[in-house]
């Protein structure tokens, strides 16, 4: 699993829960499931599948509303404004945030591991089958499959007017190398704008 935001954390928990040996790789393990912005339709979709972010959001939401209500049902979206500090609280007094839930599962599920690393390359074998990934420091992790949940980090930029700086969410580092590797493999990539 490459990326440990909301989606990567949920996917890692589900994968490990199904018994698969799962490795969650992310740039900064202190920011597992960290919430830089408010939650939206993603929470409903994950919650419908039995995920954790809906439970965490329900404990700390300030208000909920439906966006684009007057524009018709095709583009309506539920939006939940949550208390970011409570959602991402980093101490043991509040055990209900997603970061702590993921970290605790490492102890209960020996098939779940978390490592801090920047993935730069997808490793391919015979017939272009995925064999794993390579990190910035040259560490290879071998896997039968890879799930990319990188959000806005891949070659991320923060624009201020006409000027930009390389960055991930909320001032974190951008991930470099993976975008270019995916393009070399024939994938089309576009920036995620939020």
N, C-alpha and C. Protein backbone atom coordinates (compact mmCIF):
# COMPACT_ATOMS: atom_id res chain seq x y z
N UNK A 1 0.85 -1.16 0.00
CA UNK A 1 0.00 0.00 0.00
C UNK A 1 0.90 1.23 0.00
N UNK A 2 0.78 2.08 -1.02
CA UNK A 2 1.59 3.29 -1.09
C UNK A 2 0.69 4.47 -0.77
N UNK A 3 0.91 5.10 0.37
CA UNK A 3 0.11 6.23 0.80
C UNK A 3 -0.75 5.85 1.99
N UNK A 4 -0.68 6.65 3.05
CA UNK A 4 -1.40 6.32 4.27
C UNK A 4 -2.37 7.39 4.70
N UNK A 5 -3.04 8.02 3.73
CA UNK A 5 -4.11 8.95 4.08
C UNK A 5 -5.36 8.17 4.45
N UNK A 6 -6.52 8.77 4.25
CA UNK A 6 -7.78 8.10 4.60
C UNK A 6 -7.93 6.80 3.81
N UNK A 7 -7.77 6.86 2.51
CA UNK A 7 -8.00 5.70 1.65
C UNK A 7 -6.94 4.63 1.89
N UNK A 8 -5.67 5.02 1.95
CA UNK A 8 -4.61 4.04 2.18
C UNK A 8 -4.73 3.36 3.52
N UNK A 9 -5.10 4.11 4.54
CA UNK A 9 -5.28 3.52 5.87
C UNK A 9 -6.42 2.52 5.88
N UNK A 10 -7.54 2.91 5.28
CA UNK A 10 -8.68 2.01 5.19
C UNK A 10 -8.32 0.75 4.40
N UNK A 11 -7.64 0.93 3.28
CA UNK A 11 -7.28 -0.21 2.44
C UNK A 11 -6.31 -1.14 3.16
N UNK A 12 -5.37 -0.58 3.89
CA UNK A 12 -4.41 -1.40 4.64
C UNK A 12 -5.11 -2.19 5.73
N UNK A 13 -6.04 -1.55 6.45
CA UNK A 13 -6.80 -2.26 7.48
C UNK A 13 -7.62 -3.40 6.89
N UNK A 14 -8.26 -3.14 5.77
CA UNK A 14 -9.10 -4.15 5.13
C UNK A 14 -8.26 -5.30 4.59
N UNK A 15 -7.15 -4.97 3.93
CA UNK A 15 -6.27 -6.00 3.39
C UNK A 15 -5.74 -6.91 4.49
N UNK A 16 -5.24 -6.32 5.55
CA UNK A 16 -4.72 -7.11 6.68
C UNK A 16 -5.85 -7.90 7.34
N UNK A 17 -7.03 -7.29 7.43
CA UNK A 17 -8.17 -7.97 8.02
C UNK A 17 -8.61 -9.19 7.24
N UNK A 18 -8.36 -9.17 5.93
CA UNK A 18 -8.68 -10.31 5.07
C UNK A 18 -7.58 -11.37 5.09
N UNK A 19 -6.49 -11.09 5.84
CA UNK A 19 -5.42 -12.07 5.98
C UNK A 19 -4.23 -11.89 5.07
N UNK A 20 -4.26 -10.86 4.20
CA UNK A 20 -3.13 -10.63 3.30
C UNK A 20 -1.97 -9.97 4.05
N UNK A 21 -0.75 -10.37 3.74
CA UNK A 21 0.41 -9.70 4.31
C UNK A 21 0.47 -8.31 3.68
N UNK A 22 0.39 -7.29 4.51
CA UNK A 22 0.20 -5.92 4.04
C UNK A 22 1.28 -5.00 4.60
N UNK A 23 1.87 -4.20 3.71
CA UNK A 23 2.84 -3.19 4.10
C UNK A 23 2.30 -1.83 3.68
N UNK A 24 2.19 -0.92 4.64
CA UNK A 24 1.75 0.45 4.37
C UNK A 24 2.99 1.33 4.34
N UNK A 25 3.27 1.93 3.18
CA UNK A 25 4.42 2.83 3.02
C UNK A 25 3.91 4.25 2.85
N UNK A 26 4.51 5.16 3.63
CA UNK A 26 4.13 6.57 3.48
C UNK A 26 5.30 7.48 3.81
N UNK A 27 5.21 8.72 3.36
CA UNK A 27 6.31 9.67 3.53
C UNK A 27 6.59 9.99 4.99
N UNK A 28 5.55 10.12 5.79
CA UNK A 28 5.72 10.53 7.18
C UNK A 28 4.73 9.74 8.03
N UNK A 29 5.22 8.77 8.78
CA UNK A 29 4.30 7.92 9.55
C UNK A 29 3.61 8.67 10.68
N UNK A 30 4.09 9.86 11.02
CA UNK A 30 3.38 10.66 12.02
C UNK A 30 2.09 11.25 11.44
N UNK A 31 1.93 11.17 10.14
CA UNK A 31 0.75 11.75 9.49
C UNK A 31 -0.19 10.69 8.92
N UNK A 32 -0.21 9.51 9.50
CA UNK A 32 -1.15 8.49 9.06
C UNK A 32 -2.56 9.04 9.21
N UNK A 33 -3.34 8.98 8.13
CA UNK A 33 -4.74 9.40 8.12
C UNK A 33 -4.94 10.82 8.64
N UNK A 34 -3.97 11.66 8.46
CA UNK A 34 -4.06 13.04 8.92
C UNK A 34 -5.06 13.78 8.05
N UNK A 35 -5.84 14.64 8.63
CA UNK A 35 -6.90 15.32 7.91
C UNK A 35 -6.52 16.76 7.60
N UNK A 36 -6.13 17.04 6.35
CA UNK A 36 -5.80 18.42 6.01
C UNK A 36 -7.03 19.25 5.63
N UNK A 37 -8.10 18.58 5.21
CA UNK A 37 -9.31 19.30 4.81
C UNK A 37 -10.53 18.52 5.29
N UNK A 38 -11.68 19.06 5.05
CA UNK A 38 -12.90 18.42 5.51
C UNK A 38 -13.24 17.19 4.66
N UNK A 39 -14.12 16.35 5.19
CA UNK A 39 -14.45 15.09 4.55
C UNK A 39 -15.71 15.23 3.72
N UNK A 40 -15.84 14.36 2.72
CA UNK A 40 -16.97 14.46 1.82
C UNK A 40 -17.51 13.09 1.47
N UNK A 41 -17.88 12.91 0.21
CA UNK A 41 -18.53 11.70 -0.28
C UNK A 41 -17.72 10.44 0.03
N UNK A 42 -16.40 10.54 0.06
CA UNK A 42 -15.54 9.40 0.35
C UNK A 42 -15.94 8.72 1.65
N UNK A 43 -16.28 9.51 2.66
CA UNK A 43 -16.64 8.95 3.96
C UNK A 43 -17.88 8.06 3.84
N UNK A 44 -18.88 8.51 3.09
CA UNK A 44 -20.09 7.70 2.92
C UNK A 44 -19.78 6.39 2.21
N UNK A 45 -18.95 6.45 1.19
CA UNK A 45 -18.64 5.25 0.42
C UNK A 45 -17.86 4.24 1.27
N UNK A 46 -16.86 4.72 2.02
CA UNK A 46 -16.07 3.83 2.87
C UNK A 46 -16.92 3.32 4.03
N UNK A 47 -17.76 4.19 4.58
CA UNK A 47 -18.62 3.80 5.69
C UNK A 47 -19.59 2.69 5.27
N UNK A 48 -20.10 2.78 4.04
CA UNK A 48 -21.02 1.76 3.53
C UNK A 48 -20.36 0.39 3.45
N UNK A 49 -19.04 0.39 3.31
CA UNK A 49 -18.29 -0.87 3.23
C UNK A 49 -17.76 -1.32 4.59
N UNK A 50 -18.13 -0.60 5.65
CA UNK A 50 -17.72 -1.00 7.00
C UNK A 50 -16.39 -0.42 7.46
N UNK A 51 -15.94 0.66 6.83
CA UNK A 51 -14.66 1.27 7.17
C UNK A 51 -14.69 2.07 8.46
N UNK A 52 -13.53 2.61 8.79
CA UNK A 52 -13.34 3.32 10.06
C UNK A 52 -13.54 4.83 9.99
N UNK A 53 -13.26 5.48 8.84
CA UNK A 53 -13.30 6.94 8.83
C UNK A 53 -14.68 7.50 9.13
N UNK A 54 -15.73 6.80 8.73
CA UNK A 54 -17.08 7.26 9.05
C UNK A 54 -17.33 7.28 10.55
N UNK A 55 -16.81 6.26 11.23
CA UNK A 55 -16.97 6.19 12.69
C UNK A 55 -16.22 7.32 13.37
N UNK A 56 -15.00 7.58 12.89
CA UNK A 56 -14.19 8.65 13.48
C UNK A 56 -14.83 10.00 13.18
N UNK A 57 -15.28 10.21 11.95
CA UNK A 57 -15.92 11.48 11.58
C UNK A 57 -17.20 11.71 12.38
N UNK A 58 -17.96 10.65 12.62
CA UNK A 58 -19.21 10.78 13.39
C UNK A 58 -18.95 11.23 14.82
N UNK A 59 -17.78 10.87 15.36
CA UNK A 59 -17.46 11.26 16.74
C UNK A 59 -17.02 12.71 16.87
N UNK A 60 -16.57 13.31 15.77
CA UNK A 60 -16.01 14.67 15.92
C UNK A 60 -16.52 15.66 14.88
N UNK A 61 -17.67 15.40 14.26
CA UNK A 61 -18.15 16.36 13.26
C UNK A 61 -18.77 17.57 13.95
N UNK A 62 -18.62 18.71 13.30
CA UNK A 62 -19.20 19.95 13.78
C UNK A 62 -20.52 20.24 13.07
N UNK A 63 -20.55 19.95 11.77
CA UNK A 63 -21.79 20.12 11.00
C UNK A 63 -21.72 19.28 9.74
N UNK A 64 -22.89 18.93 9.22
CA UNK A 64 -22.99 18.20 7.97
C UNK A 64 -23.93 18.97 7.05
N UNK A 65 -23.65 18.94 5.77
CA UNK A 65 -24.52 19.60 4.80
C UNK A 65 -24.42 18.90 3.46
N UNK A 66 -25.35 19.19 2.58
CA UNK A 66 -25.32 18.65 1.23
C UNK A 66 -24.90 19.78 0.30
N UNK A 67 -23.82 19.55 -0.43
CA UNK A 67 -23.32 20.55 -1.38
C UNK A 67 -24.05 20.42 -2.71
N UNK A 68 -24.20 21.52 -3.41
CA UNK A 68 -24.80 21.56 -4.75
C UNK A 68 -26.25 21.05 -4.76
N UNK A 69 -26.97 21.25 -3.68
CA UNK A 69 -28.33 20.73 -3.57
C UNK A 69 -29.23 21.28 -4.67
N UNK A 70 -29.09 22.55 -4.98
CA UNK A 70 -29.97 23.17 -5.98
C UNK A 70 -29.62 22.79 -7.41
N UNK A 71 -28.51 22.12 -7.61
CA UNK A 71 -28.07 21.80 -8.98
C UNK A 71 -28.49 20.41 -9.43
N UNK A 72 -29.17 19.66 -8.61
CA UNK A 72 -29.65 18.35 -9.03
C UNK A 72 -28.92 17.21 -8.37
N UNK A 73 -29.54 16.03 -8.36
CA UNK A 73 -29.00 14.88 -7.61
C UNK A 73 -27.68 14.34 -8.17
N UNK A 74 -27.40 14.54 -9.44
CA UNK A 74 -26.19 13.96 -10.03
C UNK A 74 -24.91 14.55 -9.44
N UNK A 75 -24.97 15.77 -8.96
CA UNK A 75 -23.73 16.38 -8.45
C UNK A 75 -23.81 16.75 -6.97
N UNK A 76 -24.83 16.28 -6.29
CA UNK A 76 -24.92 16.52 -4.85
C UNK A 76 -23.87 15.71 -4.12
N UNK A 77 -23.37 16.24 -3.04
CA UNK A 77 -22.39 15.52 -2.24
C UNK A 77 -22.55 15.90 -0.78
N UNK A 78 -22.48 14.91 0.08
CA UNK A 78 -22.51 15.18 1.51
C UNK A 78 -21.15 15.71 1.93
N UNK A 79 -21.16 16.73 2.75
CA UNK A 79 -19.94 17.36 3.22
C UNK A 79 -20.01 17.41 4.74
N UNK A 80 -18.96 16.92 5.39
CA UNK A 80 -18.92 16.96 6.85
C UNK A 80 -17.73 17.82 7.29
N UNK A 81 -18.02 18.83 8.08
CA UNK A 81 -16.96 19.63 8.66
C UNK A 81 -16.66 19.04 10.03
N UNK A 82 -15.42 18.62 10.22
CA UNK A 82 -15.04 17.99 11.48
C UNK A 82 -14.03 18.84 12.23
N UNK A 83 -13.92 18.58 13.50
CA UNK A 83 -12.91 19.23 14.32
C UNK A 83 -11.59 18.54 13.98
N UNK A 84 -10.73 19.22 13.22
CA UNK A 84 -9.48 18.61 12.75
C UNK A 84 -8.59 18.15 13.89
N UNK A 85 -8.52 18.95 14.94
CA UNK A 85 -7.66 18.56 16.06
C UNK A 85 -8.14 17.27 16.70
N UNK A 86 -9.44 17.15 16.85
CA UNK A 86 -9.97 15.93 17.45
C UNK A 86 -9.83 14.74 16.50
N UNK A 87 -10.05 14.98 15.19
CA UNK A 87 -9.95 13.92 14.20
C UNK A 87 -8.53 13.35 14.13
N UNK A 88 -7.54 14.23 14.26
CA UNK A 88 -6.15 13.80 14.09
C UNK A 88 -5.36 13.85 15.39
N UNK A 89 -6.05 13.90 16.52
CA UNK A 89 -5.39 13.99 17.81
C UNK A 89 -4.28 12.95 17.93
N UNK A 90 -3.13 13.36 18.40
CA UNK A 90 -1.96 12.51 18.40
C UNK A 90 -1.60 11.97 19.78
N UNK A 91 -2.55 11.79 20.66
CA UNK A 91 -2.19 11.24 21.96
C UNK A 91 -3.13 10.10 22.35
N UNK A 92 -2.75 9.39 23.35
CA UNK A 92 -3.47 8.18 23.76
C UNK A 92 -4.76 8.47 24.52
N UNK A 93 -5.00 9.71 24.92
CA UNK A 93 -6.23 10.02 25.66
C UNK A 93 -7.46 9.77 24.81
N UNK A 94 -7.31 10.00 23.50
CA UNK A 94 -8.43 9.76 22.59
C UNK A 94 -8.03 8.64 21.65
N UNK A 95 -8.58 7.47 21.86
CA UNK A 95 -8.15 6.29 21.10
C UNK A 95 -8.97 6.07 19.85
N UNK A 96 -9.83 7.00 19.49
CA UNK A 96 -10.72 6.77 18.37
C UNK A 96 -10.29 7.35 17.05
N UNK A 97 -9.10 7.96 16.95
CA UNK A 97 -8.75 8.49 15.64
C UNK A 97 -8.11 7.41 14.77
N UNK A 98 -8.16 7.61 13.47
CA UNK A 98 -7.75 6.58 12.52
C UNK A 98 -6.27 6.25 12.62
N UNK A 99 -5.43 7.21 12.92
CA UNK A 99 -3.99 6.95 13.07
C UNK A 99 -3.75 5.92 14.18
N UNK A 100 -4.38 6.13 15.31
CA UNK A 100 -4.19 5.20 16.44
C UNK A 100 -4.82 3.85 16.12
N UNK A 101 -5.95 3.84 15.44
CA UNK A 101 -6.58 2.58 15.05
C UNK A 101 -5.63 1.77 14.16
N UNK A 102 -5.01 2.42 13.17
CA UNK A 102 -4.07 1.73 12.27
C UNK A 102 -2.85 1.25 13.04
N UNK A 103 -2.27 2.13 13.87
CA UNK A 103 -1.07 1.74 14.63
C UNK A 103 -1.33 0.57 15.56
N UNK A 104 -2.49 0.55 16.20
CA UNK A 104 -2.81 -0.55 17.12
C UNK A 104 -2.98 -1.87 16.38
N UNK A 105 -3.44 -1.81 15.16
CA UNK A 105 -3.64 -3.05 14.40
C UNK A 105 -2.32 -3.74 14.07
N UNK A 106 -1.22 -2.98 14.04
CA UNK A 106 0.10 -3.58 13.81
C UNK A 106 0.40 -4.59 14.92
N UNK A 107 -0.05 -4.31 16.13
CA UNK A 107 0.18 -5.22 17.26
C UNK A 107 -0.76 -6.42 17.25
N UNK A 108 -1.99 -6.20 16.74
CA UNK A 108 -2.98 -7.28 16.75
C UNK A 108 -2.94 -8.14 15.50
N UNK A 109 -2.41 -7.60 14.43
CA UNK A 109 -2.34 -8.33 13.16
C UNK A 109 -0.88 -8.39 12.71
N UNK A 110 -0.23 -9.51 12.89
CA UNK A 110 1.18 -9.60 12.51
C UNK A 110 1.41 -9.48 11.01
N UNK A 111 0.33 -9.52 10.23
CA UNK A 111 0.48 -9.39 8.79
C UNK A 111 0.41 -7.93 8.31
N UNK A 112 0.30 -6.96 9.24
CA UNK A 112 0.28 -5.54 8.89
C UNK A 112 1.54 -4.87 9.40
N UNK A 113 2.25 -4.18 8.49
CA UNK A 113 3.46 -3.42 8.85
C UNK A 113 3.34 -2.01 8.29
N UNK A 114 4.00 -1.07 8.96
CA UNK A 114 4.04 0.32 8.51
C UNK A 114 5.50 0.73 8.41
N UNK A 115 5.87 1.36 7.29
CA UNK A 115 7.24 1.86 7.10
C UNK A 115 7.18 3.25 6.50
N UNK A 116 8.17 4.06 6.86
CA UNK A 116 8.29 5.40 6.30
C UNK A 116 9.23 5.33 5.10
N UNK A 117 8.73 5.68 3.92
CA UNK A 117 9.54 5.61 2.71
C UNK A 117 8.85 6.35 1.58
N UNK A 118 9.65 6.84 0.62
CA UNK A 118 9.11 7.45 -0.59
C UNK A 118 9.30 6.47 -1.74
N UNK A 119 8.20 5.94 -2.26
CA UNK A 119 8.26 5.01 -3.37
C UNK A 119 8.52 5.81 -4.65
N UNK A 120 9.52 5.37 -5.41
CA UNK A 120 9.88 6.08 -6.64
C UNK A 120 9.68 5.25 -7.89
N UNK A 121 9.65 3.92 -7.75
CA UNK A 121 9.55 3.06 -8.93
C UNK A 121 8.69 1.83 -8.63
N UNK A 122 7.95 1.42 -9.65
CA UNK A 122 7.25 0.14 -9.61
C UNK A 122 8.18 -0.88 -10.27
N UNK A 123 8.43 -1.99 -9.59
CA UNK A 123 9.31 -3.03 -10.12
C UNK A 123 8.49 -4.01 -10.94
N UNK A 124 8.93 -4.24 -12.17
CA UNK A 124 8.25 -5.17 -13.06
C UNK A 124 9.12 -6.38 -13.34
N UNK A 125 8.48 -7.51 -13.52
CA UNK A 125 9.18 -8.75 -13.84
C UNK A 125 8.83 -9.21 -15.24
N UNK A 126 8.81 -10.52 -15.42
CA UNK A 126 8.48 -11.10 -16.71
C UNK A 126 7.07 -10.70 -17.11
N UNK A 127 6.88 -10.47 -18.41
CA UNK A 127 5.57 -10.09 -18.96
C UNK A 127 5.01 -8.84 -18.30
N UNK A 128 5.88 -7.99 -17.80
CA UNK A 128 5.48 -6.74 -17.15
C UNK A 128 4.58 -6.95 -15.94
N UNK A 129 4.74 -8.07 -15.27
CA UNK A 129 4.00 -8.31 -14.03
C UNK A 129 4.61 -7.50 -12.90
N UNK A 130 3.78 -6.94 -12.05
CA UNK A 130 4.25 -6.19 -10.90
C UNK A 130 4.97 -7.14 -9.95
N UNK A 131 6.17 -6.74 -9.53
CA UNK A 131 6.93 -7.53 -8.56
C UNK A 131 7.13 -6.81 -7.24
N UNK A 132 6.93 -5.48 -7.24
CA UNK A 132 7.13 -4.73 -6.01
C UNK A 132 7.38 -3.27 -6.31
N UNK A 133 8.04 -2.61 -5.35
CA UNK A 133 8.34 -1.19 -5.52
C UNK A 133 9.73 -0.89 -4.95
N UNK A 134 10.30 0.20 -5.44
CA UNK A 134 11.63 0.64 -4.99
C UNK A 134 11.47 2.01 -4.37
N UNK A 135 12.20 2.27 -3.29
CA UNK A 135 12.11 3.55 -2.60
C UNK A 135 13.25 4.48 -3.02
N UNK A 136 13.14 5.71 -2.59
CA UNK A 136 14.14 6.75 -2.88
C UNK A 136 15.54 6.32 -2.45
N UNK A 137 15.65 5.60 -1.35
CA UNK A 137 16.96 5.18 -0.86
C UNK A 137 17.37 3.80 -1.38
N UNK A 138 16.66 3.29 -2.40
CA UNK A 138 17.07 2.06 -3.04
C UNK A 138 16.61 0.77 -2.37
N UNK A 139 15.71 0.85 -1.41
CA UNK A 139 15.17 -0.34 -0.75
C UNK A 139 14.06 -0.91 -1.61
N UNK A 140 14.12 -2.19 -1.90
CA UNK A 140 13.08 -2.85 -2.68
C UNK A 140 12.14 -3.61 -1.75
N UNK A 141 10.85 -3.48 -2.01
CA UNK A 141 9.83 -4.25 -1.31
C UNK A 141 9.09 -5.05 -2.37
N UNK A 142 9.05 -6.35 -2.21
CA UNK A 142 8.45 -7.22 -3.20
C UNK A 142 7.02 -7.56 -2.81
N UNK A 143 6.14 -7.57 -3.81
CA UNK A 143 4.72 -7.81 -3.55
C UNK A 143 4.06 -8.39 -4.79
N UNK A 144 2.98 -9.11 -4.58
CA UNK A 144 2.20 -9.64 -5.69
C UNK A 144 1.32 -8.56 -6.32
N UNK A 145 0.97 -7.56 -5.54
CA UNK A 145 0.19 -6.44 -6.05
C UNK A 145 0.51 -5.18 -5.25
N UNK A 146 0.25 -4.05 -5.86
CA UNK A 146 0.50 -2.75 -5.24
C UNK A 146 -0.77 -1.92 -5.38
N UNK A 147 -1.12 -1.22 -4.32
CA UNK A 147 -2.24 -0.29 -4.37
C UNK A 147 -1.67 1.10 -4.13
N UNK A 148 -1.92 2.01 -5.06
CA UNK A 148 -1.45 3.40 -4.94
C UNK A 148 -2.58 4.27 -4.42
N UNK A 149 -2.36 4.87 -3.26
CA UNK A 149 -3.33 5.81 -2.67
C UNK A 149 -2.56 7.07 -2.30
N UNK A 150 -1.99 7.70 -3.30
CA UNK A 150 -1.03 8.78 -3.07
C UNK A 150 -1.65 10.16 -2.96
N UNK A 151 -2.92 10.31 -3.26
CA UNK A 151 -3.57 11.61 -3.13
C UNK A 151 -2.85 12.70 -3.90
N UNK A 152 -2.57 13.79 -3.24
CA UNK A 152 -1.98 14.96 -3.91
C UNK A 152 -0.45 15.00 -3.78
N UNK A 153 0.18 13.92 -3.36
CA UNK A 153 1.60 13.95 -3.09
C UNK A 153 2.48 13.76 -4.33
N UNK A 154 2.03 12.98 -5.31
CA UNK A 154 2.88 12.66 -6.45
C UNK A 154 3.20 13.93 -7.25
N UNK A 155 4.47 14.32 -7.23
CA UNK A 155 4.92 15.55 -7.89
C UNK A 155 4.05 16.73 -7.49
N UNK A 156 3.62 16.75 -6.24
CA UNK A 156 2.69 17.76 -5.75
C UNK A 156 3.25 19.17 -5.76
N UNK A 157 2.35 20.12 -5.99
CA UNK A 157 2.71 21.54 -6.00
C UNK A 157 1.63 22.33 -5.28
N UNK A 158 2.06 23.35 -4.57
CA UNK A 158 1.14 24.31 -3.96
C UNK A 158 1.33 25.62 -4.75
N UNK A 159 0.25 26.09 -5.34
CA UNK A 159 0.30 27.31 -6.13
C UNK A 159 -0.16 28.50 -5.29
N UNK A 160 0.59 29.58 -5.37
CA UNK A 160 0.20 30.86 -4.79
C UNK A 160 0.35 31.87 -5.91
N UNK A 161 -0.79 32.27 -6.48
CA UNK A 161 -0.75 33.12 -7.67
C UNK A 161 -0.16 32.34 -8.83
N UNK A 162 0.91 32.88 -9.42
CA UNK A 162 1.58 32.22 -10.54
C UNK A 162 2.84 31.48 -10.12
N UNK A 163 3.08 31.43 -8.83
CA UNK A 163 4.28 30.80 -8.30
C UNK A 163 3.89 29.53 -7.55
N UNK A 164 4.75 28.51 -7.62
CA UNK A 164 4.45 27.28 -6.89
C UNK A 164 5.70 26.78 -6.18
N UNK A 165 5.44 25.95 -5.18
CA UNK A 165 6.51 25.24 -4.50
C UNK A 165 6.15 23.76 -4.48
N UNK A 166 7.15 22.88 -4.59
CA UNK A 166 6.85 21.45 -4.47
C UNK A 166 6.35 21.15 -3.06
N UNK A 167 5.20 20.48 -2.96
CA UNK A 167 4.62 20.21 -1.65
C UNK A 167 3.52 19.17 -1.77
N UNK A 168 3.29 18.46 -0.68
CA UNK A 168 2.14 17.57 -0.55
C UNK A 168 1.06 18.33 0.17
N UNK A 169 0.20 17.61 0.89
CA UNK A 169 -0.89 18.26 1.60
C UNK A 169 -0.36 19.06 2.78
N UNK A 170 -0.97 20.18 3.03
CA UNK A 170 -0.72 20.98 4.23
C UNK A 170 0.76 21.17 4.55
N UNK A 171 1.57 21.48 3.55
CA UNK A 171 2.98 21.78 3.78
C UNK A 171 3.90 20.58 3.91
N UNK A 172 3.40 19.36 3.70
CA UNK A 172 4.27 18.19 3.75
C UNK A 172 5.07 18.10 2.45
N UNK A 173 6.05 17.22 2.44
CA UNK A 173 6.89 17.04 1.26
C UNK A 173 6.10 16.40 0.13
N UNK A 174 6.48 16.76 -1.09
CA UNK A 174 5.92 16.10 -2.27
C UNK A 174 6.69 14.80 -2.51
N UNK A 175 6.07 13.89 -3.20
CA UNK A 175 6.72 12.63 -3.58
C UNK A 175 7.22 12.78 -5.01
N UNK A 176 8.48 12.48 -5.24
CA UNK A 176 9.06 12.62 -6.57
C UNK A 176 9.57 11.27 -7.07
N UNK A 177 9.39 11.03 -8.35
CA UNK A 177 9.90 9.82 -8.97
C UNK A 177 8.80 8.88 -9.43
N UNK A 178 7.78 8.68 -8.61
CA UNK A 178 6.73 7.72 -8.95
C UNK A 178 5.91 8.20 -10.15
N UNK A 179 5.59 9.49 -10.21
CA UNK A 179 4.83 10.02 -11.34
C UNK A 179 5.57 9.75 -12.64
N UNK A 180 6.86 10.08 -12.66
CA UNK A 180 7.66 9.89 -13.86
C UNK A 180 7.77 8.41 -14.21
N UNK A 181 7.91 7.55 -13.21
CA UNK A 181 7.98 6.11 -13.45
C UNK A 181 6.68 5.60 -14.06
N UNK A 182 5.55 6.03 -13.53
CA UNK A 182 4.26 5.60 -14.08
C UNK A 182 4.08 6.09 -15.51
N UNK A 183 4.54 7.30 -15.81
CA UNK A 183 4.47 7.82 -17.17
C UNK A 183 5.34 6.99 -18.12
N UNK A 184 6.53 6.60 -17.67
CA UNK A 184 7.40 5.74 -18.48
C UNK A 184 6.75 4.39 -18.75
N UNK A 185 5.91 3.91 -17.82
CA UNK A 185 5.22 2.64 -17.99
C UNK A 185 3.97 2.77 -18.86
N UNK A 186 3.66 3.99 -19.29
CA UNK A 186 2.53 4.20 -20.20
C UNK A 186 1.26 4.73 -19.55
N UNK A 187 1.30 5.04 -18.27
CA UNK A 187 0.13 5.60 -17.61
C UNK A 187 0.06 7.10 -17.84
N UNK A 188 -1.15 7.61 -17.95
CA UNK A 188 -1.35 9.06 -18.04
C UNK A 188 -1.59 9.57 -16.63
N UNK A 189 -0.93 10.66 -16.28
CA UNK A 189 -1.11 11.25 -14.95
C UNK A 189 -1.49 12.73 -15.11
N UNK A 190 -2.35 13.18 -14.24
CA UNK A 190 -2.75 14.58 -14.18
C UNK A 190 -2.68 15.00 -12.73
N UNK A 191 -2.44 16.28 -12.49
CA UNK A 191 -2.40 16.73 -11.09
C UNK A 191 -3.77 16.64 -10.45
N UNK A 192 -3.77 16.30 -9.16
CA UNK A 192 -5.00 16.31 -8.37
C UNK A 192 -5.14 17.72 -7.80
N UNK A 193 -6.23 18.37 -8.13
CA UNK A 193 -6.45 19.72 -7.64
C UNK A 193 -7.54 19.68 -6.60
N UNK A 194 -7.25 20.28 -5.44
CA UNK A 194 -8.30 20.37 -4.42
C UNK A 194 -8.25 21.72 -3.78
